[in-house]
Amino acid sequence: MNIQIFGKNKCFDTKKAERYFSERRIKVQKIDLIKFGMSGGEFDSVVRAVGGIDRLVDWDSKSDEVELLRHLASEEQKKDKIFENPKLMKTPIVRNGKKATVGYCPEIWGTWE
C-alpha cells in the first residue's frame, strides 16, 4: 500500500486517520494540504475517485468562498476555485493509488489492507 494523507494541521479527523494507519503499522506519507496543496494529477485523480468535485468541498465551512461555490454553475469553475484554494477541501483526503476517500472512512480503508 502507498497511503497518502492530505490534511490540515488542526483537523481532528486528519489526526484520527493518521492514528488509524499508525495503529495498523501502515506507513503513510503525510502532506500538509494548506502548505503544499496537491499536484494537478493528484487533484484530478482524487476528484474521479471520490465521485465528483462536490464530495471534495467542505460544505460545513462558514467561509464566504464556500457560499460562492454553492452558486457556481459549472463543475470546472468549482474545480478551479478549489484547486487554487485547498483550504476549501474537506479533510482528510486519503489516497491509495487510484483509490481515494474524503473524511474519516475506516470502513473503506479496511478493505484496502
PDB file of N, CA and C in Angstrom:
ATOM      1  N   MET A   1       0.839  -1.191   0.000  1.00  0.00           N
ATOM      2  CA  MET A   1       0.000   0.000   0.000  1.00  0.00           C
ATOM      3  C   MET A   1       0.874   1.241   0.000  1.00  0.00           C
ATOM      4  N   ASN A   2       0.413   2.243  -0.710  1.00  0.00           N
ATOM      5  CA  ASN A   2       1.102   3.524  -0.776  1.00  0.00           C
ATOM      6  C   ASN A   2       0.103   4.595  -0.341  1.00  0.00           C
ATOM      7  N   ILE A   3      -0.014   4.805   0.959  1.00  0.00           N
ATOM      8  CA  ILE A   3      -1.032   5.690   1.521  1.00  0.00           C
ATOM      9  C   ILE A   3      -0.502   7.111   1.639  1.00  0.00           C
ATOM     10  N   GLN A   4      -1.278   8.054   1.129  1.00  0.00           N
ATOM     11  CA  GLN A   4      -1.009   9.471   1.308  1.00  0.00           C
ATOM     12  C   GLN A   4      -2.177  10.069   2.067  1.00  0.00           C
ATOM     13  N   ILE A   5      -1.867  10.885   3.075  1.00  0.00           N
ATOM     14  CA  ILE A   5      -2.916  11.592   3.805  1.00  0.00           C
ATOM     15  C   ILE A   5      -2.701  13.089   3.606  1.00  0.00           C
ATOM     16  N   PHE A   6      -3.628  13.711   2.898  1.00  0.00           N
ATOM     17  CA  PHE A   6      -3.624  15.164   2.736  1.00  0.00           C
ATOM     18  C   PHE A   6      -4.533  15.717   3.823  1.00  0.00           C
ATOM     19  N   GLY A   7      -3.990  16.576   4.668  1.00  0.00           N
ATOM     20  CA  GLY A   7      -4.801  17.091   5.758  1.00  0.00           C
ATOM     21  C   GLY A   7      -4.387  18.478   6.203  1.00  0.00           C
ATOM     22  N   LYS A   8      -5.160  18.981   7.146  1.00  0.00           N
ATOM     23  CA  LYS A   8      -4.883  20.278   7.754  1.00  0.00           C
ATOM     24  C   LYS A   8      -4.374  20.017   9.170  1.00  0.00           C
ATOM     25  N   ASN A   9      -3.417  20.817   9.614  1.00  0.00           N
ATOM     26  CA  ASN A   9      -2.792  20.601  10.917  1.00  0.00           C
ATOM     27  C   ASN A   9      -3.782  20.550  12.076  1.00  0.00           C
ATOM     28  N   LYS A  10      -4.830  21.341  12.030  1.00  0.00           N
ATOM     29  CA  LYS A  10      -5.759  21.419  13.153  1.00  0.00           C
ATOM     30  C   LYS A  10      -7.029  20.591  12.948  1.00  0.00           C
ATOM     31  N   CYS A  11      -6.990  19.694  11.990  1.00  0.00           N
ATOM     32  CA  CYS A  11      -8.171  18.885  11.675  1.00  0.00           C
ATOM     33  C   CYS A  11      -8.181  17.618  12.529  1.00  0.00           C
ATOM     34  N   PHE A  12      -9.217  17.461  13.336  1.00  0.00           N
ATOM     35  CA  PHE A  12      -9.359  16.306  14.220  1.00  0.00           C
ATOM     36  C   PHE A  12      -9.463  15.008  13.421  1.00  0.00           C
ATOM     37  N   ASP A  13     -10.216  15.010  12.331  1.00  0.00           N
ATOM     38  CA  ASP A  13     -10.371  13.793  11.524  1.00  0.00           C
ATOM     39  C   ASP A  13      -9.063  13.387  10.846  1.00  0.00           C
ATOM     40  N   THR A  14      -8.233  14.360  10.495  1.00  0.00           N
ATOM     41  CA  THR A  14      -6.922  14.041   9.923  1.00  0.00           C
ATOM     42  C   THR A  14      -6.072  13.314  10.951  1.00  0.00           C
ATOM     43  N   LYS A  15      -6.074  13.790  12.169  1.00  0.00           N
ATOM     44  CA  LYS A  15      -5.317  13.140  13.248  1.00  0.00           C
ATOM     45  C   LYS A  15      -5.845  11.723  13.502  1.00  0.00           C
ATOM     46  N   LYS A  16      -7.167  11.543  13.438  1.00  0.00           N
ATOM     47  CA  LYS A  16      -7.751  10.211  13.607  1.00  0.00           C
ATOM     48  C   LYS A  16      -7.316   9.276  12.481  1.00  0.00           C
ATOM     49  N   ALA A  17      -7.250   9.786  11.254  1.00  0.00           N
ATOM     50  CA  ALA A  17      -6.819   8.968  10.118  1.00  0.00           C
ATOM     51  C   ALA A  17      -5.359   8.552  10.291  1.00  0.00           C
ATOM     52  N   GLU A  18      -4.520   9.491  10.712  1.00  0.00           N
ATOM     53  CA  GLU A  18      -3.109   9.170  10.945  1.00  0.00           C
ATOM     54  C   GLU A  18      -2.979   8.091  12.018  1.00  0.00           C
ATOM     55  N   ARG A  19      -3.779   8.207  13.068  1.00  0.00           N
ATOM     56  CA  ARG A  19      -3.751   7.219  14.156  1.00  0.00           C
ATOM     57  C   ARG A  19      -4.246   5.854  13.659  1.00  0.00           C
ATOM     58  N   TYR A  20      -5.283   5.839  12.825  1.00  0.00           N
ATOM     59  CA  TYR A  20      -5.818   4.597  12.280  1.00  0.00           C
ATOM     60  C   TYR A  20      -4.715   3.797  11.585  1.00  0.00           C
ATOM     61  N   PHE A  21      -3.971   4.449  10.701  1.00  0.00           N
ATOM     62  CA  PHE A  21      -2.922   3.749   9.963  1.00  0.00           C
ATOM     63  C   PHE A  21      -1.730   3.426  10.850  1.00  0.00           C
ATOM     64  N   SER A  22      -1.414   4.311  11.771  1.00  0.00           N
ATOM     65  CA  SER A  22      -0.303   4.083  12.694  1.00  0.00           C
ATOM     66  C   SER A  22      -0.559   2.845  13.555  1.00  0.00           C
ATOM     67  N   GLU A  23      -1.780   2.707  14.062  1.00  0.00           N
ATOM     68  CA  GLU A  23      -2.134   1.554  14.900  1.00  0.00           C
ATOM     69  C   GLU A  23      -2.012   0.239  14.135  1.00  0.00           C
ATOM     70  N   ARG A  24      -2.145   0.293  12.828  1.00  0.00           N
ATOM     71  CA  ARG A  24      -2.041  -0.900  11.996  1.00  0.00           C
ATOM     72  C   ARG A  24      -0.653  -1.047  11.377  1.00  0.00           C
ATOM     73  N   ARG A  25       0.254  -0.191  11.820  1.00  0.00           N
ATOM     74  CA  ARG A  25       1.651  -0.188  11.351  1.00  0.00           C
ATOM     75  C   ARG A  25       1.747  -0.085   9.828  1.00  0.00           C
ATOM     76  N   ILE A  26       0.895   0.776   9.276  1.00  0.00           N
ATOM     77  CA  ILE A  26       0.916   1.039   7.837  1.00  0.00           C
ATOM     78  C   ILE A  26       1.594   2.392   7.638  1.00  0.00           C
ATOM     79  N   LYS A  27       2.651   2.383   6.832  1.00  0.00           N
ATOM     80  CA  LYS A  27       3.372   3.623   6.578  1.00  0.00           C
ATOM     81  C   LYS A  27       2.513   4.567   5.745  1.00  0.00           C
ATOM     82  N   VAL A  28       2.561   5.837   6.104  1.00  0.00           N
ATOM     83  CA  VAL A  28       1.816   6.842   5.356  1.00  0.00           C
ATOM     84  C   VAL A  28       2.730   8.012   5.031  1.00  0.00           C
ATOM     85  N   GLN A  29       2.363   8.705   3.993  1.00  0.00           N
ATOM     86  CA  GLN A  29       3.016   9.963   3.653  1.00  0.00           C
ATOM     87  C   GLN A  29       2.019  11.054   4.013  1.00  0.00           C
ATOM     88  N   LYS A  30       2.390  11.908   4.978  1.00  0.00           N
ATOM     89  CA  LYS A  30       1.511  12.991   5.409  1.00  0.00           C
ATOM     90  C   LYS A  30       1.858  14.251   4.628  1.00  0.00           C
ATOM     91  N   ILE A  31       0.845  14.913   4.105  1.00  0.00           N
ATOM     92  CA  ILE A  31       1.048  16.134   3.335  1.00  0.00           C
ATOM     93  C   ILE A  31       0.145  17.218   3.905  1.00  0.00           C
ATOM     94  N   ASP A  32       0.756  18.346   4.261  1.00  0.00           N
ATOM     95  CA  ASP A  32       0.001  19.492   4.743  1.00  0.00           C
ATOM     96  C   ASP A  32      -0.694  20.121   3.532  1.00  0.00           C
ATOM     97  N   LEU A  33      -1.999  19.957   3.468  1.00  0.00           N
ATOM     98  CA  LEU A  33      -2.775  20.399   2.314  1.00  0.00           C
ATOM     99  C   LEU A  33      -2.700  21.907   2.128  1.00  0.00           C
ATOM    100  N   ILE A  34      -2.712  22.657   3.216  1.00  0.00           N
ATOM    101  CA  ILE A  34      -2.686  24.111   3.126  1.00  0.00           C
ATOM    102  C   ILE A  34      -1.326  24.595   2.627  1.00  0.00           C
ATOM    103  N   LYS A  35      -0.273  24.014   3.142  1.00  0.00           N
ATOM    104  CA  LYS A  35       1.085  24.454   2.800  1.00  0.00           C
ATOM    105  C   LYS A  35       1.529  23.983   1.418  1.00  0.00           C
ATOM    106  N   PHE A  36       1.255  22.725   1.094  1.00  0.00           N
ATOM    107  CA  PHE A  36       1.774  22.149  -0.143  1.00  0.00           C
ATOM    108  C   PHE A  36       0.715  21.905  -1.218  1.00  0.00           C
ATOM    109  N   GLY A  37      -0.556  21.791  -0.835  1.00  0.00           N
ATOM    110  CA  GLY A  37      -1.610  21.525  -1.802  1.00  0.00           C
ATOM    111  C   GLY A  37      -1.442  20.175  -2.474  1.00  0.00           C
ATOM    112  N   MET A  38      -2.008  20.039  -3.655  1.00  0.00           N
ATOM    113  CA  MET A  38      -1.912  18.814  -4.459  1.00  0.00           C
ATOM    114  C   MET A  38      -1.434  19.192  -5.849  1.00  0.00           C
ATOM    115  N   SER A  39      -0.797  18.242  -6.507  1.00  0.00           N
ATOM    116  CA  SER A  39      -0.455  18.472  -7.911  1.00  0.00           C
ATOM    117  C   SER A  39      -1.746  18.353  -8.729  1.00  0.00           C
ATOM    118  N   GLY A  40      -1.706  18.826  -9.947  1.00  0.00           N
ATOM    119  CA  GLY A  40      -2.884  18.731 -10.815  1.00  0.00           C
ATOM    120  C   GLY A  40      -3.325  17.302 -11.038  1.00  0.00           C
ATOM    121  N   GLY A  41      -2.351  16.410 -11.230  1.00  0.00           N
ATOM    122  CA  GLY A  41      -2.676  14.998 -11.442  1.00  0.00           C
ATOM    123  C   GLY A  41      -3.303  14.360 -10.219  1.00  0.00           C
ATOM    124  N   GLU A  42      -2.752  14.662  -9.042  1.00  0.00           N
ATOM    125  CA  GLU A  42      -3.325  14.129  -7.792  1.00  0.00           C
ATOM    126  C   GLU A  42      -4.751  14.627  -7.607  1.00  0.00           C
ATOM    127  N   PHE A  43      -4.949  15.913  -7.841  1.00  0.00           N
ATOM    128  CA  PHE A  43      -6.271  16.513  -7.679  1.00  0.00           C
ATOM    129  C   PHE A  43      -7.289  15.847  -8.602  1.00  0.00           C
ATOM    130  N   ASP A  44      -6.949  15.708  -9.886  1.00  0.00           N
ATOM    131  CA  ASP A  44      -7.870  15.077 -10.841  1.00  0.00           C
ATOM    132  C   ASP A  44      -8.163  13.631 -10.457  1.00  0.00           C
ATOM    133  N   SER A  45      -7.141  12.914 -10.003  1.00  0.00           N
ATOM    134  CA  SER A  45      -7.312  11.523  -9.590  1.00  0.00           C
ATOM    135  C   SER A  45      -8.264  11.424  -8.395  1.00  0.00           C
ATOM    136  N   VAL A  46      -8.106  12.305  -7.425  1.00  0.00           N
ATOM    137  CA  VAL A  46      -8.976  12.293  -6.244  1.00  0.00           C
ATOM    138  C   VAL A  46     -10.410  12.628  -6.637  1.00  0.00           C
ATOM    139  N   VAL A  47     -10.591  13.648  -7.469  1.00  0.00           N
ATOM    140  CA  VAL A  47     -11.948  14.025  -7.898  1.00  0.00           C
ATOM    141  C   VAL A  47     -12.640  12.844  -8.574  1.00  0.00           C
ATOM    142  N   ARG A  48     -11.928  12.134  -9.438  1.00  0.00           N
ATOM    143  CA  ARG A  48     -12.517  10.945 -10.110  1.00  0.00           C
ATOM    144  C   ARG A  48     -12.832   9.853  -9.092  1.00  0.00           C
ATOM    145  N   ALA A  49     -11.896   9.611  -8.174  1.00  0.00           N
ATOM    146  CA  ALA A  49     -12.051   8.502  -7.219  1.00  0.00           C
ATOM    147  C   ALA A  49     -13.195   8.715  -6.237  1.00  0.00           C
ATOM    148  N   VAL A  50     -13.440   9.956  -5.854  1.00  0.00           N
ATOM    149  CA  VAL A  50     -14.490  10.208  -4.851  1.00  0.00           C
ATOM    150  C   VAL A  50     -15.851  10.475  -5.484  1.00  0.00           C
ATOM    151  N   GLY A  51     -15.901  10.603  -6.799  1.00  0.00           N
ATOM    152  CA  GLY A  51     -17.195  10.741  -7.462  1.00  0.00           C
ATOM    153  C   GLY A  51     -17.621  12.159  -7.741  1.00  0.00           C
ATOM    154  N   GLY A  52     -16.677  13.060  -7.924  1.00  0.00           N
ATOM    155  CA  GLY A  52     -17.026  14.428  -8.309  1.00  0.00           C
ATOM    156  C   GLY A  52     -16.544  15.473  -7.328  1.00  0.00           C
ATOM    157  N   ILE A  53     -16.489  16.686  -7.808  1.00  0.00           N
ATOM    158  CA  ILE A  53     -15.928  17.794  -7.040  1.00  0.00           C
ATOM    159  C   ILE A  53     -16.770  18.144  -5.808  1.00  0.00           C
ATOM    160  N   ASP A  54     -18.071  17.952  -5.883  1.00  0.00           N
ATOM    161  CA  ASP A  54     -18.930  18.310  -4.750  1.00  0.00           C
ATOM    162  C   ASP A  54     -18.609  17.499  -3.494  1.00  0.00           C
ATOM    163  N   ARG A  55     -18.085  16.301  -3.656  1.00  0.00           N
ATOM    164  CA  ARG A  55     -17.719  15.482  -2.491  1.00  0.00           C
ATOM    165  C   ARG A  55     -16.420  15.943  -1.848  1.00  0.00           C
ATOM    166  N   LEU A  56     -15.655  16.752  -2.568  1.00  0.00           N
ATOM    167  CA  LEU A  56     -14.371  17.225  -2.065  1.00  0.00           C
ATOM    168  C   LEU A  56     -14.496  18.533  -1.288  1.00  0.00           C
ATOM    169  N   VAL A  57     -15.609  19.227  -1.464  1.00  0.00           N
ATOM    170  CA  VAL A  57     -15.808  20.535  -0.825  1.00  0.00           C
ATOM    171  C   VAL A  57     -16.233  20.361   0.626  1.00  0.00           C
ATOM    172  N   ASP A  58     -15.667  21.174   1.501  1.00  0.00           N
ATOM    173  CA  ASP A  58     -16.079  21.200   2.913  1.00  0.00           C
ATOM    174  C   ASP A  58     -17.302  22.105   3.035  1.00  0.00           C
ATOM    175  N   TRP A  59     -18.466  21.537   2.758  1.00  0.00           N
ATOM    176  CA  TRP A  59     -19.710  22.316   2.745  1.00  0.00           C
ATOM    177  C   TRP A  59     -20.088  22.834   4.125  1.00  0.00           C
ATOM    178  N   ASP A  60     -19.517  22.264   5.189  1.00  0.00           N
ATOM    179  CA  ASP A  60     -19.821  22.718   6.549  1.00  0.00           C
ATOM    180  C   ASP A  60     -19.045  23.975   6.934  1.00  0.00           C
ATOM    181  N   SER A  61     -18.083  24.362   6.115  1.00  0.00           N
ATOM    182  CA  SER A  61     -17.282  25.550   6.399  1.00  0.00           C
ATOM    183  C   SER A  61     -18.157  26.799   6.355  1.00  0.00           C
ATOM    184  N   LYS A  62     -17.833  27.748   7.205  1.00  0.00           N
ATOM    185  CA  LYS A  62     -18.583  29.014   7.247  1.00  0.00           C
ATOM    186  C   LYS A  62     -17.979  30.060   6.316  1.00  0.00           C
ATOM    187  N   SER A  63     -17.005  29.661   5.513  1.00  0.00           N
ATOM    188  CA  SER A  63     -16.297  30.569   4.620  1.00  0.00           C
ATOM    189  C   SER A  63     -17.223  31.146   3.551  1.00  0.00           C
ATOM    190  N   ASP A  64     -17.007  32.414   3.232  1.00  0.00           N
ATOM    191  CA  ASP A  64     -17.758  33.058   2.151  1.00  0.00           C
ATOM    192  C   ASP A  64     -17.465  32.384   0.813  1.00  0.00           C
ATOM    193  N   GLU A  65     -16.245  31.866   0.681  1.00  0.00           N
ATOM    194  CA  GLU A  65     -15.870  31.207  -0.566  1.00  0.00           C
ATOM    195  C   GLU A  65     -16.670  29.922  -0.786  1.00  0.00           C
ATOM    196  N   VAL A  66     -16.998  29.226   0.295  1.00  0.00           N
ATOM    197  CA  VAL A  66     -17.830  28.019   0.165  1.00  0.00           C
ATOM    198  C   VAL A  66     -19.235  28.423  -0.281  1.00  0.00           C
ATOM    199  N   GLU A  67     -19.720  29.533   0.239  1.00  0.00           N
ATOM    200  CA  GLU A  67     -21.035  30.026  -0.195  1.00  0.00           C
ATOM    201  C   GLU A  67     -21.016  30.355  -1.687  1.00  0.00           C
ATOM    202  N   LEU A  68     -19.914  30.931  -2.163  1.00  0.00           N
ATOM    203  CA  LEU A  68     -19.779  31.222  -3.585  1.00  0.00           C
ATOM    204  C   LEU A  68     -19.826  29.927  -4.399  1.00  0.00           C
ATOM    205  N   LEU A  69     -19.167  28.881  -3.899  1.00  0.00           N
ATOM    206  CA  LEU A  69     -19.159  27.600  -4.616  1.00  0.00           C
ATOM    207  C   LEU A  69     -20.564  27.035  -4.798  1.00  0.00           C
ATOM    208  N   ARG A  70     -21.434  27.296  -3.834  1.00  0.00           N
ATOM    209  CA  ARG A  70     -22.815  26.799  -3.940  1.00  0.00           C
ATOM    210  C   ARG A  70     -23.519  27.362  -5.173  1.00  0.00           C
ATOM    211  N   HIS A  71     -23.048  28.526  -5.630  1.00  0.00           N
ATOM    212  CA  HIS A  71     -23.736  29.213  -6.724  1.00  0.00           C
ATOM    213  C   HIS A  71     -22.984  29.156  -8.053  1.00  0.00           C
ATOM    214  N   LEU A  72     -21.807  28.558  -8.062  1.00  0.00           N
ATOM    215  CA  LEU A  72     -21.095  28.426  -9.326  1.00  0.00           C
ATOM    216  C   LEU A  72     -21.791  27.373 -10.185  1.00  0.00           C
ATOM    217  N   ALA A  73     -21.934  27.684 -11.428  1.00  0.00           N
ATOM    218  CA  ALA A  73     -22.725  26.837 -12.313  1.00  0.00           C
ATOM    219  C   ALA A  73     -22.007  25.568 -12.734  1.00  0.00           C
ATOM    220  N   SER A  74     -20.776  25.696 -13.123  1.00  0.00           N
ATOM    221  CA  SER A  74     -20.132  24.533 -13.737  1.00  0.00           C
ATOM    222  C   SER A  74     -19.172  23.823 -12.803  1.00  0.00           C
ATOM    223  N   GLU A  75     -19.005  22.555 -13.087  1.00  0.00           N
ATOM    224  CA  GLU A  75     -18.068  21.703 -12.362  1.00  0.00           C
ATOM    225  C   GLU A  75     -16.639  22.242 -12.531  1.00  0.00           C
ATOM    226  N   GLU A  76     -16.309  22.710 -13.730  1.00  0.00           N
ATOM    227  CA  GLU A  76     -14.963  23.232 -13.994  1.00  0.00           C
ATOM    228  C   GLU A  76     -14.667  24.476 -13.161  1.00  0.00           C
ATOM    229  N   GLN A  77     -15.648  25.361 -12.995  1.00  0.00           N
ATOM    230  CA  GLN A  77     -15.454  26.552 -12.165  1.00  0.00           C
ATOM    231  C   GLN A  77     -15.175  26.149 -10.719  1.00  0.00           C
ATOM    232  N   LYS A  78     -15.909  25.166 -10.230  1.00  0.00           N
ATOM    233  CA  LYS A  78     -15.696  24.686  -8.868  1.00  0.00           C
ATOM    234  C   LYS A  78     -14.316  24.065  -8.729  1.00  0.00           C
ATOM    235  N   LYS A  79     -13.930  23.248  -9.711  1.00  0.00           N
ATOM    236  CA  LYS A  79     -12.610  22.613  -9.673  1.00  0.00           C
ATOM    237  C   LYS A  79     -11.502  23.666  -9.612  1.00  0.00           C
ATOM    238  N   ASP A  80     -11.597  24.675 -10.462  1.00  0.00           N
ATOM    239  CA  ASP A  80     -10.577  25.723 -10.495  1.00  0.00           C
ATOM    240  C   ASP A  80     -10.479  26.437  -9.158  1.00  0.00           C
ATOM    241  N   LYS A  81     -11.622  26.782  -8.590  1.00  0.00           N
ATOM    242  CA  LYS A  81     -11.658  27.521  -7.321  1.00  0.00           C
ATOM    243  C   LYS A  81     -11.062  26.679  -6.182  1.00  0.00           C
ATOM    244  N   ILE A  82     -11.415  25.405  -6.119  1.00  0.00           N
ATOM    245  CA  ILE A  82     -10.938  24.541  -5.039  1.00  0.00           C
ATOM    246  C   ILE A  82      -9.458  24.218  -5.211  1.00  0.00           C
ATOM    247  N   PHE A  83      -9.032  23.997  -6.449  1.00  0.00           N
ATOM    248  CA  PHE A  83      -7.613  23.699  -6.683  1.00  0.00           C
ATOM    249  C   PHE A  83      -6.743  24.888  -6.260  1.00  0.00           C
ATOM    250  N   GLU A  84      -7.213  26.096  -6.540  1.00  0.00           N
ATOM    251  CA  GLU A  84      -6.475  27.307  -6.163  1.00  0.00           C
ATOM    252  C   GLU A  84      -6.487  27.540  -4.660  1.00  0.00           C
ATOM    253  N   ASN A  85      -7.510  27.045  -3.974  1.00  0.00           N
ATOM    254  CA  ASN A  85      -7.678  27.322  -2.557  1.00  0.00           C
ATOM    255  C   ASN A  85      -7.964  26.022  -1.792  1.00  0.00           C
ATOM    256  N   PRO A  86      -6.915  25.244  -1.462  1.00  0.00           N
ATOM    257  CA  PRO A  86      -7.115  23.929  -0.841  1.00  0.00           C
ATOM    258  C   PRO A  86      -7.783  23.966   0.531  1.00  0.00           C
ATOM    259  N   LYS A  87      -7.838  25.122   1.182  1.00  0.00           N
ATOM    260  CA  LYS A  87      -8.495  25.174   2.495  1.00  0.00           C
ATOM    261  C   LYS A  87     -10.000  24.928   2.378  1.00  0.00           C
ATOM    262  N   LEU A  88     -10.534  24.960   1.157  1.00  0.00           N
ATOM    263  CA  LEU A  88     -11.958  24.692   0.939  1.00  0.00           C
ATOM    264  C   LEU A  88     -12.269  23.200   0.869  1.00  0.00           C
ATOM    265  N   MET A  89     -11.216  22.360   0.869  1.00  0.00           N
ATOM    266  CA  MET A  89     -11.413  20.913   0.766  1.00  0.00           C
ATOM    267  C   MET A  89     -11.685  20.304   2.133  1.00  0.00           C
ATOM    268  N   LYS A  90     -12.553  19.310   2.133  1.00  0.00           N
ATOM    269  CA  LYS A  90     -12.817  18.534   3.337  1.00  0.00           C
ATOM    270  C   LYS A  90     -11.634  17.594   3.560  1.00  0.00           C
ATOM    271  N   THR A  91     -11.234  17.436   4.801  1.00  0.00           N
ATOM    272  CA  THR A  91     -10.087  16.575   5.102  1.00  0.00           C
ATOM    273  C   THR A  91     -10.463  15.537   6.143  1.00  0.00           C
ATOM    274  N   PRO A  92      -9.702  14.457   6.224  1.00  0.00           N
ATOM    275  CA  PRO A  92      -8.527  14.141   5.428  1.00  0.00           C
ATOM    276  C   PRO A  92      -8.908  13.589   4.067  1.00  0.00           C
ATOM    277  N   ILE A  93      -8.005  13.782   3.133  1.00  0.00           N
ATOM    278  CA  ILE A  93      -8.105  13.129   1.834  1.00  0.00           C
ATOM    279  C   ILE A  93      -7.057  12.032   1.869  1.00  0.00           C
ATOM    280  N   VAL A  94      -7.500  10.791   1.779  1.00  0.00           N
ATOM    281  CA  VAL A  94      -6.599   9.648   1.877  1.00  0.00           C
ATOM    282  C   VAL A  94      -6.561   8.953   0.519  1.00  0.00           C
ATOM    283  N   ARG A  95      -5.342   8.816  -0.013  1.00  0.00           N
ATOM    284  CA  ARG A  95      -5.149   8.172  -1.320  1.00  0.00           C
ATOM    285  C   ARG A  95      -4.379   6.880  -1.171  1.00  0.00           C
ATOM    286  N   ASN A  96      -4.769   5.910  -1.969  1.00  0.00           N
ATOM    287  CA  ASN A  96      -4.039   4.648  -2.093  1.00  0.00           C
ATOM    288  C   ASN A  96      -4.058   4.309  -3.575  1.00  0.00           C
ATOM    289  N   GLY A  97      -3.051   4.768  -4.307  1.00  0.00           N
ATOM    290  CA  GLY A  97      -3.043   4.582  -5.755  1.00  0.00           C
ATOM    291  C   GLY A  97      -4.160   5.377  -6.393  1.00  0.00           C
ATOM    292  N   LYS A  98      -5.019   4.697  -7.126  1.00  0.00           N
ATOM    293  CA  LYS A  98      -6.137   5.374  -7.794  1.00  0.00           C
ATOM    294  C   LYS A  98      -7.381   5.463  -6.914  1.00  0.00           C
ATOM    295  N   LYS A  99      -7.312   4.878  -5.729  1.00  0.00           N
ATOM    296  CA  LYS A  99      -8.430   4.937  -4.785  1.00  0.00           C
ATOM    297  C   LYS A  99      -8.251   6.156  -3.887  1.00  0.00           C
ATOM    298  N   ALA A 100      -9.361   6.722  -3.429  1.00  0.00           N
ATOM    299  CA  ALA A 100      -9.277   7.868  -2.525  1.00  0.00           C
ATOM    300  C   ALA A 100     -10.563   7.992  -1.724  1.00  0.00           C
ATOM    301  N   THR A 101     -10.437   8.584  -0.547  1.00  0.00           N
ATOM    302  CA  THR A 101     -11.600   8.896   0.283  1.00  0.00           C
ATOM    303  C   THR A 101     -11.466  10.322   0.786  1.00  0.00           C
ATOM    304  N   VAL A 102     -12.590  10.884   1.170  1.00  0.00           N
ATOM    305  CA  VAL A 102     -12.620  12.214   1.780  1.00  0.00           C
ATOM    306  C   VAL A 102     -13.325  12.065   3.117  1.00  0.00           C
ATOM    307  N   GLY A 103     -12.682  12.570   4.168  1.00  0.00           N
ATOM    308  CA  GLY A 103     -13.233  12.430   5.508  1.00  0.00           C
ATOM    309  C   GLY A 103     -12.693  11.175   6.174  1.00  0.00           C
ATOM    310  N   TYR A 104     -13.183  10.917   7.368  1.00  0.00           N
ATOM    311  CA  TYR A 104     -12.736   9.752   8.147  1.00  0.00           C
ATOM    312  C   TYR A 104     -13.537   8.534   7.715  1.00  0.00           C
ATOM    313  N   CYS A 105     -12.899   7.583   7.014  1.00  0.00           N
ATOM    314  CA  CYS A 105     -13.593   6.440   6.410  1.00  0.00           C
ATOM    315  C   CYS A 105     -12.903   5.109   6.712  1.00  0.00           C
ATOM    316  N   PRO A 106     -12.786   4.707   7.984  1.00  0.00           N
ATOM    317  CA  PRO A 106     -12.081   3.457   8.287  1.00  0.00           C
ATOM    318  C   PRO A 106     -12.729   2.225   7.665  1.00  0.00           C
ATOM    319  N   GLU A 107     -14.040   2.263   7.445  1.00  0.00           N
ATOM    320  CA  GLU A 107     -14.710   1.107   6.847  1.00  0.00           C
ATOM    321  C   GLU A 107     -14.231   0.875   5.413  1.00  0.00           C
ATOM    322  N   ILE A 108     -13.843   1.922   4.725  1.00  0.00           N
ATOM    323  CA  ILE A 108     -13.308   1.782   3.368  1.00  0.00           C
ATOM    324  C   ILE A 108     -11.823   1.439   3.420  1.00  0.00           C
ATOM    325  N   TRP A 109     -11.072   2.104   4.282  1.00  0.00           N
ATOM    326  CA  TRP A 109      -9.633   1.841   4.383  1.00  0.00           C
ATOM    327  C   TRP A 109      -9.366   0.378   4.766  1.00  0.00           C
ATOM    328  N   GLY A 110     -10.259  -0.192   5.552  1.00  0.00           N
ATOM    329  CA  GLY A 110     -10.094  -1.584   5.961  1.00  0.00           C
ATOM    330  C   GLY A 110     -10.127  -2.545   4.783  1.00  0.00           C
ATOM    331  N   THR A 111     -10.825  -2.172   3.717  1.00  0.00           N
ATOM    332  CA  THR A 111     -10.881  -3.024   2.521  1.00  0.00           C
ATOM    333  C   THR A 111      -9.606  -2.895   1.684  1.00  0.00           C
ATOM    334  N   TRP A 112      -8.802  -1.882   1.948  1.00  0.00           N
ATOM    335  CA  TRP A 112      -7.550  -1.681   1.207  1.00  0.00           C
ATOM    336  C   TRP A 112      -6.433  -2.569   1.720  1.00  0.00           C
ATOM    337  N   GLU A 113      -6.567  -3.061   2.954  1.00  0.00           N
ATOM    338  CA  GLU A 113      -5.488  -3.819   3.591  1.00  0.00           C
ATOM    339  C   GLU A 113      -5.329  -5.200   2.987  1.00  0.00           C
TER     340      GLU A 113
END
